[in-house]
Protein backbone atom coordinates (compact mmCIF):
# COMPACT_ATOMS: atom_id res chain seq x y z
CA UNK A 1 25.72 -25.15 64.68
CA UNK A 2 24.98 -28.73 63.72
CA UNK A 3 24.91 -31.00 66.76
CA UNK A 4 25.64 -34.70 67.00
CA UNK A 5 22.97 -36.76 68.72
CA UNK A 6 25.44 -38.55 70.99
CA UNK A 7 24.62 -37.70 74.62
CA UNK A 8 26.79 -38.14 77.72
CA UNK A 9 25.77 -37.70 81.38
CA UNK A 10 27.22 -35.41 84.06
CA UNK A 11 28.97 -37.14 86.96
CA UNK A 12 30.11 -34.13 89.01
CA UNK A 13 29.96 -30.33 89.08
CA UNK A 14 32.60 -28.08 90.69
CA UNK A 15 31.91 -24.45 89.81
CA UNK A 16 32.56 -24.04 86.07
CA UNK A 17 34.17 -27.51 85.92
CA UNK A 18 31.97 -30.47 84.95
CA UNK A 19 33.12 -34.10 84.83
CA UNK A 20 31.79 -37.14 83.00
CA UNK A 21 32.61 -40.60 84.34
CA UNK A 22 34.21 -43.29 82.17
CA UNK A 23 35.09 -43.32 78.50
CA UNK A 24 33.24 -40.96 76.17
CA UNK A 25 33.07 -40.24 72.45
CA UNK A 26 34.12 -36.63 73.02
CA UNK A 27 37.41 -35.21 71.73
CA UNK A 28 39.94 -32.91 73.35
CA UNK A 29 39.07 -29.19 72.90
CA UNK A 30 35.65 -30.10 71.49
CA UNK A 31 32.78 -27.69 72.11
CA UNK A 32 29.85 -29.24 73.98
CA UNK A 33 26.46 -28.19 75.33
CA UNK A 34 25.82 -28.96 78.99
CA UNK A 35 22.48 -29.51 80.69
CA UNK A 36 18.93 -29.05 79.46
CA UNK A 37 19.64 -25.35 78.89
CA UNK A 38 22.57 -26.30 76.66
CA UNK A 39 25.23 -24.20 78.33
CA UNK A 40 28.31 -23.72 76.15
CA UNK A 41 31.39 -25.64 77.29
CA UNK A 42 34.71 -27.05 76.10
CA UNK A 43 36.52 -30.34 76.79
CA UNK A 44 39.80 -29.48 78.55
CA UNK A 45 40.92 -32.87 79.89
CA UNK A 46 40.26 -36.56 79.47
CA UNK A 47 41.59 -39.96 80.42
CA UNK A 48 40.22 -43.50 80.61
CA UNK A 49 38.33 -42.72 83.81
CA UNK A 50 36.80 -39.27 83.25
CA UNK A 51 36.34 -36.34 80.87
CA UNK A 52 36.63 -32.78 82.18
CA UNK A 53 34.66 -29.87 80.71
CA UNK A 54 34.86 -26.15 81.49
CA UNK A 55 31.53 -24.38 81.12
CA UNK A 56 31.43 -20.81 79.85
CA UNK A 57 28.24 -19.94 81.72
CA UNK A 58 26.92 -20.02 85.27
CA UNK A 59 26.47 -23.66 86.30
CA UNK A 60 23.94 -23.10 89.09
CA UNK A 61 21.25 -25.77 88.90
CA UNK A 62 23.27 -28.42 87.06
CA UNK A 63 23.03 -31.89 88.62
CA UNK A 64 24.61 -35.29 88.13
CA UNK A 65 22.77 -37.13 85.40
CA UNK A 66 22.06 -34.03 83.30
CA UNK A 67 22.89 -34.49 79.62
CA UNK A 68 25.98 -33.27 77.76
CA UNK A 69 25.54 -32.86 74.00
CA UNK A 70 28.43 -33.23 71.59
CA UNK A 71 28.91 -30.67 68.80
CA UNK A 72 31.58 -32.49 66.83
CA UNK A 73 33.68 -29.32 66.39
CA UNK A 74 36.18 -27.20 68.31
CA UNK A 75 35.36 -23.99 70.15
CA UNK A 76 35.11 -21.54 67.24
CA UNK A 77 34.04 -18.03 66.33
CA UNK A 78 32.06 -16.86 63.32
CA UNK A 79 34.02 -14.48 61.07
CA UNK A 80 32.22 -12.25 58.60
CA UNK A 81 30.78 -8.77 57.97
CA UNK A 82 29.05 -7.22 60.97
CA UNK A 83 31.79 -7.78 63.55
CA UNK A 84 32.78 -4.12 63.59
CA UNK A 85 30.64 -1.57 65.43
CA UNK A 86 29.44 -4.39 67.65
CA UNK A 87 29.95 -5.71 71.18
CA UNK A 88 30.28 -9.38 72.12
CA UNK A 89 30.87 -11.37 75.28
CA UNK A 90 33.88 -13.66 75.75
CA UNK A 91 32.48 -16.43 73.54
CA UNK A 92 31.21 -14.12 70.76
CA UNK A 93 27.59 -13.81 71.74
CA UNK A 94 26.15 -10.48 70.49
CA UNK A 95 25.23 -8.50 73.60
CA UNK A 96 23.03 -5.97 71.79
CA UNK A 97 20.79 -8.69 70.37
CA UNK A 98 20.73 -10.61 73.66
CA UNK A 99 19.68 -7.44 75.49
CA UNK A 100 16.86 -6.88 73.03
CA UNK A 101 15.68 -10.46 73.58
CA UNK A 102 16.23 -11.08 77.30
CA UNK A 103 16.76 -7.65 78.88
CA UNK A 104 19.73 -6.32 80.81
CA UNK A 105 20.85 -9.77 82.04
CA UNK A 106 22.03 -12.58 79.79
CA UNK A 107 19.85 -15.66 80.00
CA UNK A 108 21.73 -18.91 80.53
CA UNK A 109 22.00 -20.95 77.39
CA UNK A 110 21.45 -17.95 75.14
CA UNK A 111 22.73 -19.21 71.79
CA UNK A 112 22.40 -16.54 69.13
CA UNK A 113 24.22 -16.34 65.83
CA UNK A 114 26.94 -13.69 66.28
CA UNK A 115 26.14 -11.88 63.04
CA UNK A 116 22.87 -10.33 61.86
CA UNK A 117 21.42 -13.04 59.61
CA UNK A 118 18.72 -10.74 58.19
CA UNK A 119 20.91 -7.83 57.16
CA UNK A 120 21.89 -7.65 53.51
CA UNK A 121 25.32 -6.59 52.30
CA UNK A 122 26.30 -5.03 48.97
CA UNK A 123 28.51 -7.83 47.65
CA UNK A 124 30.89 -7.54 44.71
CA UNK A 125 32.43 -10.90 43.66
CA UNK A 126 36.06 -10.59 42.55
CA UNK A 127 36.43 -13.99 40.82
CA UNK A 128 34.87 -15.65 37.79
CA UNK A 129 33.96 -19.17 36.72
CA UNK A 130 37.06 -21.25 35.97
CA UNK A 131 39.35 -19.38 38.36
CA UNK A 132 41.56 -21.44 40.62
CA UNK A 133 41.18 -20.31 44.26
CA UNK A 134 43.83 -20.94 46.86
CA UNK A 135 43.48 -20.76 50.66
CA UNK A 136 43.17 -17.18 51.92
CA UNK A 137 42.37 -15.68 48.52
CA UNK A 138 39.79 -12.86 48.33
CA UNK A 139 36.67 -13.88 46.39
CA UNK A 140 34.24 -11.02 47.24
CA UNK A 141 34.12 -7.62 48.92
CA UNK A 142 31.44 -5.59 50.65
CA UNK A 143 31.42 -2.28 52.59
CA UNK A 144 31.24 -3.35 56.25
CA UNK A 145 31.33 0.23 57.56
CA UNK A 146 32.06 3.58 55.96
CA UNK A 147 35.71 3.15 56.95
CA UNK A 148 36.36 -0.57 56.35
CA UNK A 149 35.86 -2.73 53.27
CA UNK A 150 35.21 -6.35 54.21
CA UNK A 151 37.13 -8.83 52.07
CA UNK A 152 35.75 -12.37 52.06
CA UNK A 153 38.54 -14.94 52.24
CA UNK A 154 38.69 -18.56 51.13
CA UNK A 155 39.04 -20.62 54.34
CA UNK A 156 42.66 -21.69 54.96
CA UNK A 157 41.78 -25.36 54.53
CA UNK A 158 39.85 -24.98 51.23
CA UNK A 159 41.00 -24.74 47.59
CA UNK A 160 39.50 -25.57 44.24
CA UNK A 161 38.13 -24.32 40.92
CA UNK A 162 35.21 -21.89 40.70
CA UNK A 163 32.19 -23.49 39.03
CA UNK A 164 29.57 -20.85 39.94
CA UNK A 165 29.62 -17.20 41.06
CA UNK A 166 26.71 -15.09 42.28
CA UNK A 167 26.05 -11.83 40.47
CA UNK A 168 26.77 -8.48 42.11
CA UNK A 169 23.99 -7.57 44.53
CA UNK A 170 22.68 -7.61 48.09
CA UNK A 171 23.09 -10.85 50.07
CA UNK A 172 22.75 -12.13 53.62
CA UNK A 173 25.76 -13.53 55.47
CA UNK A 174 24.72 -17.17 54.96
CA UNK A 175 23.96 -16.81 51.23
CA UNK A 176 26.20 -18.70 48.78
CA UNK A 177 28.48 -16.36 46.84
CA UNK A 178 30.88 -18.83 45.20
CA UNK A 179 30.74 -22.58 44.60
CA UNK A 180 34.05 -24.46 44.35
CA UNK A 181 34.93 -27.87 43.02
CA UNK A 182 37.83 -29.25 45.05
CA UNK A 183 40.53 -31.55 43.69
CA UNK A 184 38.78 -34.48 45.34
CA UNK A 185 35.56 -33.68 43.45
CA UNK A 186 33.72 -32.29 46.46
CA UNK A 187 31.55 -29.19 46.08
CA UNK A 188 32.15 -26.39 48.63
CA UNK A 189 29.87 -23.38 49.01
CA UNK A 190 31.50 -20.13 50.11
CA UNK A 191 29.27 -17.64 51.95
CA UNK A 192 30.09 -14.26 53.47
CA UNK A 193 31.12 -15.89 56.76
CA UNK A 194 33.23 -18.76 58.04
CA UNK A 195 34.25 -20.38 61.34
CA UNK A 196 37.68 -20.72 62.88
CA UNK A 197 38.84 -22.35 66.17
CA UNK A 198 39.85 -19.66 68.65
CA UNK A 199 42.91 -21.50 70.02
CA UNK A 200 44.40 -22.23 66.61
CA UNK A 201 46.44 -19.40 64.98
CA UNK A 202 45.39 -18.61 61.42
CA UNK A 203 48.13 -19.58 58.93
CA UNK A 204 50.17 -16.97 57.04
CA UNK A 205 52.43 -17.02 54.00
CA UNK A 206 55.35 -15.23 55.66
CA UNK A 207 56.20 -13.49 58.92
CA UNK A 208 57.91 -10.18 58.23
CA UNK A 209 60.36 -7.93 60.06
CA UNK A 210 58.35 -5.41 62.12
CA UNK A 211 60.02 -2.10 61.21
CA UNK A 212 57.10 0.35 60.85
CA UNK A 213 56.09 2.15 64.05
CA UNK A 214 52.56 2.28 65.34
CA UNK A 215 52.14 6.06 65.59
CA UNK A 216 50.10 6.86 68.69
CA UNK A 217 50.50 10.63 69.01
CA UNK A 218 51.68 10.13 72.61
CA UNK A 219 55.13 11.68 72.93
CA UNK A 220 56.48 9.44 75.68
CA UNK A 221 55.61 6.39 73.57
CA UNK A 222 56.45 7.54 70.03
CA UNK A 223 59.74 9.17 71.05
CA UNK A 224 61.11 7.17 73.98
CA UNK A 225 59.38 3.77 73.95
CA UNK A 226 58.03 3.08 70.45
CA UNK A 227 56.17 -0.02 69.34
CA UNK A 228 55.97 -1.24 65.72
CA UNK A 229 52.94 -2.53 63.88
CA UNK A 230 53.01 -6.21 64.75
CA UNK A 231 54.77 -5.66 68.07
CA UNK A 232 53.81 -6.50 71.65
CA UNK A 233 53.69 -4.20 74.67
CA UNK A 234 52.74 -4.51 78.33
CA UNK A 235 51.27 -1.70 80.44
CA UNK A 236 51.74 -2.73 84.08
CA UNK A 237 50.49 -0.56 86.89
CA UNK A 238 48.63 -0.64 90.18
CA UNK A 239 45.11 0.58 90.79
CA UNK A 240 44.58 4.19 89.73
CA UNK A 241 47.72 4.56 87.63
CA UNK A 242 45.85 4.95 84.35
CA UNK A 243 46.18 1.62 82.53
CA UNK A 244 42.68 1.74 81.09
CA UNK A 245 42.85 5.42 80.19
CA UNK A 246 46.22 4.93 78.47
CA UNK A 247 44.72 2.13 76.39
CA UNK A 248 41.69 4.32 75.60
CA UNK A 249 44.02 7.05 74.35
CA UNK A 250 45.98 4.59 72.23
CA UNK A 251 42.80 3.09 70.79
CA UNK A 252 41.51 6.55 69.87
CA UNK A 253 44.61 7.91 68.20
CA UNK A 254 46.94 5.13 66.99
CA UNK A 255 47.17 4.69 63.23
CA UNK A 256 45.93 1.09 63.19
CA UNK A 257 43.11 0.41 60.73
CA UNK A 258 41.01 -1.58 63.21
CA UNK A 259 40.82 -1.64 67.02
CA UNK A 260 39.78 -4.76 68.98
CA UNK A 261 39.19 -3.82 72.62
CA UNK A 262 38.97 -6.76 75.04
CA UNK A 263 37.53 -5.93 78.47
CA UNK A 264 38.73 -9.04 80.29
CA UNK A 265 37.46 -9.14 83.86
CA UNK A 266 37.25 -5.35 84.19
CA UNK A 267 34.50 -3.38 85.88
CA UNK A 268 31.31 -2.85 83.96
CA UNK A 269 31.43 0.93 84.32
CA UNK A 270 34.76 0.97 82.47
CA UNK A 271 33.22 -0.84 79.51
CA UNK A 272 30.31 1.63 79.60
CA UNK A 273 32.86 4.43 79.44
CA UNK A 274 34.50 2.83 76.41
CA UNK A 275 31.14 2.57 74.65
CA UNK A 276 30.18 6.15 75.45
CA UNK A 277 33.55 7.62 74.51
CA UNK A 278 34.01 5.67 71.29
CA UNK A 279 30.46 6.32 70.09
CA UNK A 280 30.97 10.06 70.56
CA UNK A 281 34.50 10.23 69.14
CA UNK A 282 35.02 11.20 65.52
CA UNK A 283 37.74 9.28 63.70
CA UNK A 284 40.26 11.92 62.50
CA UNK A 285 41.05 9.84 59.43
CA UNK A 286 37.53 9.34 58.09
CA UNK A 287 35.41 11.93 59.87
CA UNK A 288 33.05 9.14 60.91
CA UNK A 289 32.34 7.72 64.40
CA UNK A 290 35.23 5.78 65.91
CA UNK A 291 32.98 2.73 66.29
CA UNK A 292 33.11 2.23 62.50
CA UNK A 293 36.52 0.57 62.94
CA UNK A 294 36.22 -0.70 66.50
CA UNK A 295 34.97 -3.98 67.95
CA UNK A 296 34.45 -4.59 71.68
CA UNK A 297 34.60 -7.86 73.60
CA UNK A 298 33.15 -7.40 77.07
CA UNK A 299 33.67 -10.04 79.70
CA UNK A 300 33.24 -8.03 82.87
CA UNK A 301 34.18 -9.13 86.38
CA UNK A 302 30.67 -10.40 87.17
CA UNK A 303 30.50 -12.67 84.10
CA UNK A 304 31.43 -16.38 84.22
CA UNK A 305 35.12 -16.91 84.87
CA UNK A 306 35.65 -19.55 82.17
CA UNK A 307 34.41 -17.19 79.44
CA UNK A 308 36.99 -14.67 80.66
CA UNK A 309 39.71 -17.20 79.90
CA UNK A 310 38.35 -17.62 76.36
CA UNK A 311 37.83 -13.91 75.66
CA UNK A 312 41.40 -13.05 74.67
CA UNK A 313 41.48 -15.98 72.22
CA UNK A 314 38.22 -14.79 70.71
CA UNK A 315 39.68 -11.31 70.29
CA UNK A 316 42.98 -12.42 68.78
CA UNK A 317 41.22 -14.74 66.30
CA UNK A 318 39.01 -11.91 65.04
CA UNK A 319 42.08 -9.67 64.81
CA UNK A 320 43.92 -12.28 62.73
CA UNK A 321 40.94 -12.49 60.38
CA UNK A 322 41.12 -8.77 59.58
CA UNK A 323 44.91 -8.99 59.41
CA UNK A 324 44.52 -11.60 56.67
CA UNK A 325 42.44 -9.09 54.68
CA UNK A 326 45.44 -6.74 54.71
CA UNK A 327 44.57 -4.49 57.64
CA UNK A 328 46.71 -3.35 60.55
CA UNK A 329 44.88 -4.33 63.77
CA UNK A 330 45.62 -3.21 67.33
CA UNK A 331 44.38 -5.26 70.28
CA UNK A 332 43.86 -3.63 73.67
CA UNK A 333 43.64 -6.42 76.28
CA UNK A 334 42.47 -5.03 79.62
CA UNK A 335 43.57 -6.80 81.68
CA UNK A 336 45.67 -9.93 81.29
CA UNK A 337 45.97 -10.16 85.09
CA UNK A 338 42.23 -10.83 85.35
CA UNK A 339 42.63 -13.44 82.63
CA UNK A 340 45.45 -15.08 84.60
CA UNK A 341 43.25 -15.05 87.70
CA UNK A 342 40.62 -16.96 85.73
CA UNK A 343 43.28 -19.53 84.83
CA UNK A 344 44.18 -19.79 88.51
CA UNK A 345 40.59 -20.34 89.58
CA UNK A 346 39.93 -23.01 86.97
CA UNK A 347 43.26 -24.68 87.78
CA UNK A 348 42.24 -24.82 91.44
CA UNK A 349 38.92 -26.43 90.53
CA UNK A 350 40.84 -29.04 88.53
CA UNK A 351 43.01 -29.72 91.61
CA UNK A 352 46.21 -29.08 89.65
CA UNK A 353 49.50 -28.51 91.44
CA UNK A 354 49.86 -24.75 91.93
CA UNK A 355 53.02 -22.82 91.11
CA UNK A 356 54.08 -19.36 92.29
CA UNK A 357 51.28 -17.43 94.06
CA UNK A 358 48.82 -20.18 93.17
CA UNK A 359 48.98 -19.62 89.41
CA UNK A 360 49.18 -22.79 87.30
CA UNK A 361 52.58 -23.96 86.13
CA UNK A 362 51.51 -23.45 82.50
CA UNK A 363 50.90 -19.69 82.93
CA UNK A 364 54.06 -18.76 80.94
CA UNK A 365 53.11 -21.00 78.01
CA UNK A 366 49.57 -19.59 77.89
CA UNK A 367 50.91 -16.03 77.89
CA UNK A 368 53.35 -16.91 75.10
CA UNK A 369 50.56 -18.51 73.04
CA UNK A 370 48.70 -15.20 73.19
CA UNK A 371 51.51 -12.69 72.60
CA UNK A 372 53.22 -14.75 69.90
CA UNK A 373 50.14 -14.45 67.71
CA UNK A 374 51.13 -10.81 67.14
CA UNK A 375 53.27 -9.92 64.14
CA UNK A 376 53.60 -8.22 60.77
CA UNK A 377 52.86 -10.83 58.09
CA UNK A 378 52.32 -11.50 54.42
CA UNK A 379 48.87 -13.11 54.48
CA UNK A 380 47.74 -15.98 52.27
CA UNK A 381 45.80 -13.36 50.27
CA UNK A 382 49.11 -11.69 49.34
CA UNK A 383 48.35 -8.58 51.39
CA UNK A 384 50.52 -7.31 54.23
CA UNK A 385 48.76 -7.00 57.58
CA UNK A 386 49.62 -6.93 61.25
CA UNK A 387 48.32 -7.61 64.74
CA UNK A 388 49.73 -5.43 67.51
CA UNK A 389 48.99 -6.54 71.08
CA UNK A 390 48.97 -4.05 73.95
CA UNK A 391 48.15 -5.86 77.19
CA UNK A 392 47.46 -4.21 80.53
CA UNK A 393 48.78 -5.93 83.65
CA UNK A 394 47.37 -5.20 87.12
CA UNK A 395 49.94 -6.28 89.72
CA UNK A 396 48.62 -6.04 93.27
CA UNK A 397 50.24 -3.17 95.14
CA UNK A 398 52.20 -2.18 92.00
CA UNK A 399 54.53 -5.13 92.66
CA UNK A 400 56.21 -5.75 89.30
CA UNK A 401 57.93 -8.87 90.67
CA UNK A 402 54.67 -10.86 90.75
CA UNK A 403 54.33 -13.79 88.29
CA UNK A 404 52.02 -12.27 85.64
CA UNK A 405 54.16 -9.16 85.17
CA UNK A 406 57.44 -11.08 85.15
CA UNK A 407 56.21 -13.69 82.69
CA UNK A 408 54.66 -11.03 80.47
CA UNK A 409 58.06 -9.30 80.25
CA UNK A 410 59.46 -12.53 78.81
CA UNK A 411 57.18 -12.37 75.78
CA UNK A 412 56.87 -8.62 75.13
CA UNK A 413 59.59 -6.31 73.87
CA UNK A 414 57.97 -3.08 75.03
CA UNK A 415 57.36 -2.32 78.70
CA UNK A 416 55.47 0.85 79.69
CA UNK A 417 55.73 0.86 83.49
CA UNK A 418 53.07 3.06 85.08
CA UNK A 419 54.09 4.90 88.25
CA UNK A 420 51.70 5.57 91.13
CA UNK A 421 53.55 8.70 92.25
CA UNK A 422 53.33 10.18 88.74
CA UNK A 423 49.62 9.38 88.53
CA UNK A 424 48.89 10.91 91.92
CA UNK A 425 50.75 14.08 90.89
CA UNK A 426 48.51 14.29 87.79
CA UNK A 427 51.33 13.47 85.37
CA UNK A 428 49.70 11.58 82.48
CA UNK A 429 50.53 9.31 80.80
CA UNK A 430 52.05 8.09 84.07
CA UNK A 431 54.76 6.07 82.27
CA UNK A 432 57.96 6.02 84.31
CA UNK A 433 60.81 6.88 81.93
CA UNK A 434 63.38 5.14 84.14
CA UNK A 435 61.62 1.77 84.56
CA UNK A 436 60.20 1.50 81.04
CA UNK A 437 61.96 0.27 77.92
CA UNK A 438 61.44 -0.61 74.27
CA UNK A 439 63.61 -3.10 72.44
CA UNK A 440 62.15 -1.96 69.12
CA UNK A 441 63.95 1.41 68.90
CA UNK A 442 66.85 0.00 66.89
CA UNK A 443 64.50 -1.84 64.53
CA UNK A 444 62.66 1.43 63.77
CA UNK A 445 65.76 3.61 63.32
CA UNK A 446 65.62 3.59 59.50
CA UNK A 447 61.93 4.56 59.46
CA UNK A 448 62.54 7.47 61.83
CA UNK A 449 65.52 8.59 59.73
CA UNK A 450 63.50 8.55 56.49
CA UNK A 451 60.13 9.78 57.78
CA UNK A 452 60.61 11.79 60.98
CA UNK A 453 64.03 13.37 60.48
CA UNK A 454 67.69 12.30 60.13
CA UNK A 455 68.46 13.70 63.59
CA UNK A 456 65.50 12.11 65.38
CA UNK A 457 67.40 9.21 66.96
CA UNK A 458 70.27 11.40 68.13
CA UNK A 459 67.82 13.90 69.65
CA UNK A 460 66.01 11.02 71.35
CA UNK A 461 69.28 9.71 72.79
CA UNK A 462 70.16 13.14 74.21
CA UNK A 463 66.72 13.41 75.80
CA UNK A 464 67.03 10.01 77.47
CA UNK A 465 70.57 10.84 78.65
CA UNK A 466 69.38 14.06 80.34
CA UNK A 467 66.62 12.19 82.17
CA UNK A 468 69.08 9.56 83.37
CA UNK A 469 71.52 12.25 84.52
CA UNK A 470 68.74 14.08 86.36
CA UNK A 471 67.87 10.89 88.27
CA UNK A 472 71.51 10.57 89.36
CA UNK A 473 71.72 14.21 90.42
CA UNK A 474 68.46 14.05 92.37
CA UNK A 475 69.98 11.32 94.54
CA UNK A 476 72.74 13.77 95.45
CA UNK A 477 70.23 16.57 96.04
CA UNK A 478 68.32 14.38 98.48
CA UNK A 479 71.48 13.93 100.52
CA UNK A 480 73.13 17.36 100.53
CA UNK A 481 70.67 19.76 98.85
CA UNK A 482 70.67 21.54 95.49
CA UNK A 483 72.66 24.60 96.56
CA UNK A 484 76.00 22.82 96.44
CA UNK A 485 75.60 21.81 92.78
CA UNK A 486 77.43 23.85 90.15
CA UNK A 487 75.35 25.74 87.59
CA UNK A 488 76.02 23.25 84.78
CA UNK A 489 74.46 20.46 86.88
CA UNK A 490 71.60 22.73 87.99
CA UNK A 491 70.97 23.32 84.28
CA UNK A 492 70.48 19.58 83.74
CA UNK A 493 67.82 19.53 86.48
CA UNK A 494 66.11 22.61 85.00
CA UNK A 495 66.12 21.14 81.48
CA UNK A 496 64.82 17.80 82.78
CA UNK A 497 61.91 19.68 84.37
CA UNK A 498 61.06 21.14 80.97
CA UNK A 499 61.25 17.64 79.44
CA UNK A 500 59.02 16.12 82.11
CA UNK A 501 56.36 18.84 82.19
CA UNK A 502 56.60 20.22 78.67
CA UNK A 503 57.24 17.03 76.71
CA UNK A 504 56.47 13.79 78.56
CA UNK A 505 53.32 15.08 80.28
CA UNK A 506 50.36 15.28 77.92
CA UNK A 507 46.83 16.67 78.24
CA UNK A 508 44.20 14.39 76.71
CA UNK A 509 41.59 17.17 76.92
CA UNK A 510 43.55 19.77 74.94
CA UNK A 511 42.83 19.80 71.22
CA UNK A 512 46.49 20.25 70.22
CA UNK A 513 48.05 18.12 72.94
CA UNK A 514 45.86 15.01 72.95
CA UNK A 515 47.50 13.87 69.68
CA UNK A 516 50.90 15.15 68.55
CA UNK A 517 52.25 14.33 65.06
CA UNK A 518 55.83 13.17 64.68
CA UNK A 519 56.89 16.45 63.04
CA UNK A 520 55.83 18.41 66.12
CA UNK A 521 57.47 15.90 68.46
CA UNK A 522 60.79 16.31 66.67
CA UNK A 523 60.40 20.10 66.59
CA UNK A 524 59.77 20.16 70.35
CA UNK A 525 62.83 17.99 70.90
CA UNK A 526 64.98 20.37 68.89
CA UNK A 527 63.69 23.42 70.77
CA UNK A 528 64.28 21.85 74.21
CA UNK A 529 67.77 20.53 73.42
CA UNK A 530 68.77 23.75 71.68
CA UNK A 531 67.80 25.64 74.85
CA UNK A 532 69.92 23.27 76.93
CA UNK A 533 72.95 23.42 74.67
CA UNK A 534 72.93 27.21 74.27
CA UNK A 535 72.40 27.65 78.01
CA UNK A 536 75.34 25.35 78.74
CA UNK A 537 77.53 27.43 76.40
CA UNK A 538 76.46 30.68 78.13
CA UNK A 539 77.13 29.19 81.60
CA UNK A 540 80.59 28.14 80.42
CA UNK A 541 81.27 31.81 79.68
CA UNK A 542 80.51 32.77 83.29
CA UNK A 543 76.82 33.75 83.13
CA UNK A 544 74.90 32.39 86.17
CA UNK A 545 71.94 30.08 85.62
CA UNK A 546 69.68 32.45 87.55
CA UNK A 547 70.02 35.10 84.80
CA UNK A 548 69.11 32.52 82.14
CA UNK A 549 66.05 31.36 84.08
CA UNK A 550 65.00 34.98 84.60
CA UNK A 551 64.60 35.41 80.82
CA UNK A 552 61.51 33.16 80.95
CA UNK A 553 62.79 30.93 78.16
CA UNK A 554 62.39 27.72 80.17
CA UNK A 555 58.77 28.51 81.02
CA UNK A 556 58.00 29.50 77.43
CA UNK A 557 59.47 26.28 76.00
CA UNK A 558 57.49 24.31 78.59
CA UNK A 559 54.25 25.90 77.32
CA UNK A 560 54.93 25.42 73.62
CA UNK A 561 52.92 22.18 73.54
CA UNK A 562 49.81 24.33 74.08
CA UNK A 563 50.90 27.51 72.29
CA UNK A 564 51.79 25.91 68.94
CA UNK A 565 48.85 24.45 66.98
CA UNK A 566 49.47 21.16 65.22
CA UNK A 567 48.82 22.83 61.85
CA UNK A 568 51.34 25.67 62.39
CA UNK A 569 54.55 23.80 63.12
CA UNK A 570 56.73 26.46 61.47
CA UNK A 571 56.30 28.45 64.69
CA UNK A 572 58.71 25.99 66.37
CA UNK A 573 61.57 27.63 64.47
CA UNK A 574 60.70 30.92 66.17
CA UNK A 575 61.46 29.35 69.56
CA UNK A 576 64.93 28.35 68.43
CA UNK A 577 65.63 31.80 66.96
CA UNK A 578 64.36 33.54 70.09
CA UNK A 579 66.47 31.28 72.32
CA UNK A 580 69.60 32.05 70.30
CA UNK A 581 68.91 35.78 70.32
CA UNK A 582 68.10 36.13 74.04
CA UNK A 583 71.01 34.00 75.25
CA UNK A 584 73.46 35.75 72.92
CA UNK A 585 72.47 39.06 74.48
CA UNK A 586 73.47 37.77 77.94
CA UNK A 587 77.13 37.45 76.90
CA UNK A 588 77.44 40.90 75.37
């Protein structure tokens, strides 16, 4: 990055916060380099008396009088081929290259270009001399991985007429591919990469109605609490409830084209687990390693707190870049609570007036800035793409009334509440079906009708109604016992047990249960509800529930998730026929 020679001097240091006395030539949100080691920082406040900078690295050793170097540009990330199958820290420094250079610990002031500048890419230009290029238009392509084609985009603030195009061949990321002549007569060289400020959303041509579900293969999500491509979801839960593992499962199996996993303030061993699992997982769509369409941003709990605050903006900016190419991107942010804690620490250093539980008063606006960058859009390139944000929240003591959870609910339309009691009873995913909700179900109704089945939404409604009725009945059972209930109400409890164990509970280590296609989910719904309805009809004719349970039908339907392979879904019809036959024989 080109640096301006103008130098300021440090007046005070308070953790990651550095101040400069008096007027300066710096600008708000400008990226700067602090100290002789040139630690990366950003201007976050200024007035006539002082300028405040947050430093993204450990500030130990900085002293008043040390220099501050201006960069002349905003805090930005480099966008280009080589982002996928890579791991970066919160400010897009490549951790693999830094490890090779400095060992297991990152040296302060390490300033490496995020992309491999020596690697050559097989570039195919898609424009010719004389073409008029508009912002966001694709001018070249190259295979970034075996699964993803990288499409080079004209920067959103550039347009002009092509006056030179490189021939098809192998080029490095900084090589000129196209030369434009702008309307003002200026010559602009387009390479394979570009920069974009992380706090500035990339422009789009049109925001579209999000009405296509993100298929995850997890029954409790796809059936009860769906999320569309371009939607937002929160996964709140206390320690040990499975937030990280739920996000791992979603990242592995959802039908997004690209996964951006942000480890924001999490433990290092969890990021190691992500690396190990993803490197060993085969993508079911391409047959290649999952890492071919995955990018990791690791800002673990022992890394500088200011970089943690920047990490989610780095991740969302990279996601928007691939969205503009026409891809569907899913972001797993784990966890936004740690990000909010970073905001709280920096706010305290700045001596700002605290709000609820010490969090800054601008916490809601910062959360909205992040979640509102999700969406299904028509990009400037003309392609449709989306960014789906799934953020984990870690409320202390599973207290969902704390500020981060409550403010997150304001800006997300899908809420997957994890339950400690479910997790401790080994019910995974531990999503509580009574406390969770999705406001997207109505938006997705047409898709489910056309692609899953015309009866899907009605079957889903019956399933949810049975679970609600079971919760009401269990309150009565706690008071006076189950023996006083009539058989038709006992049937609801028995059917709800089948739903909980046989449908909502899922085994991530079983080859047919870790991912369940929509056809099988609907077939399982039909089998369970058919069993309930036929049993209710038999009970109405005077047959006791005990005789129905003794047939073993309830246990068999509970096991069908294991007994029916995903490639033999016609066997689901056998369950319905057997249920009808066995229950009919009880009334003879």
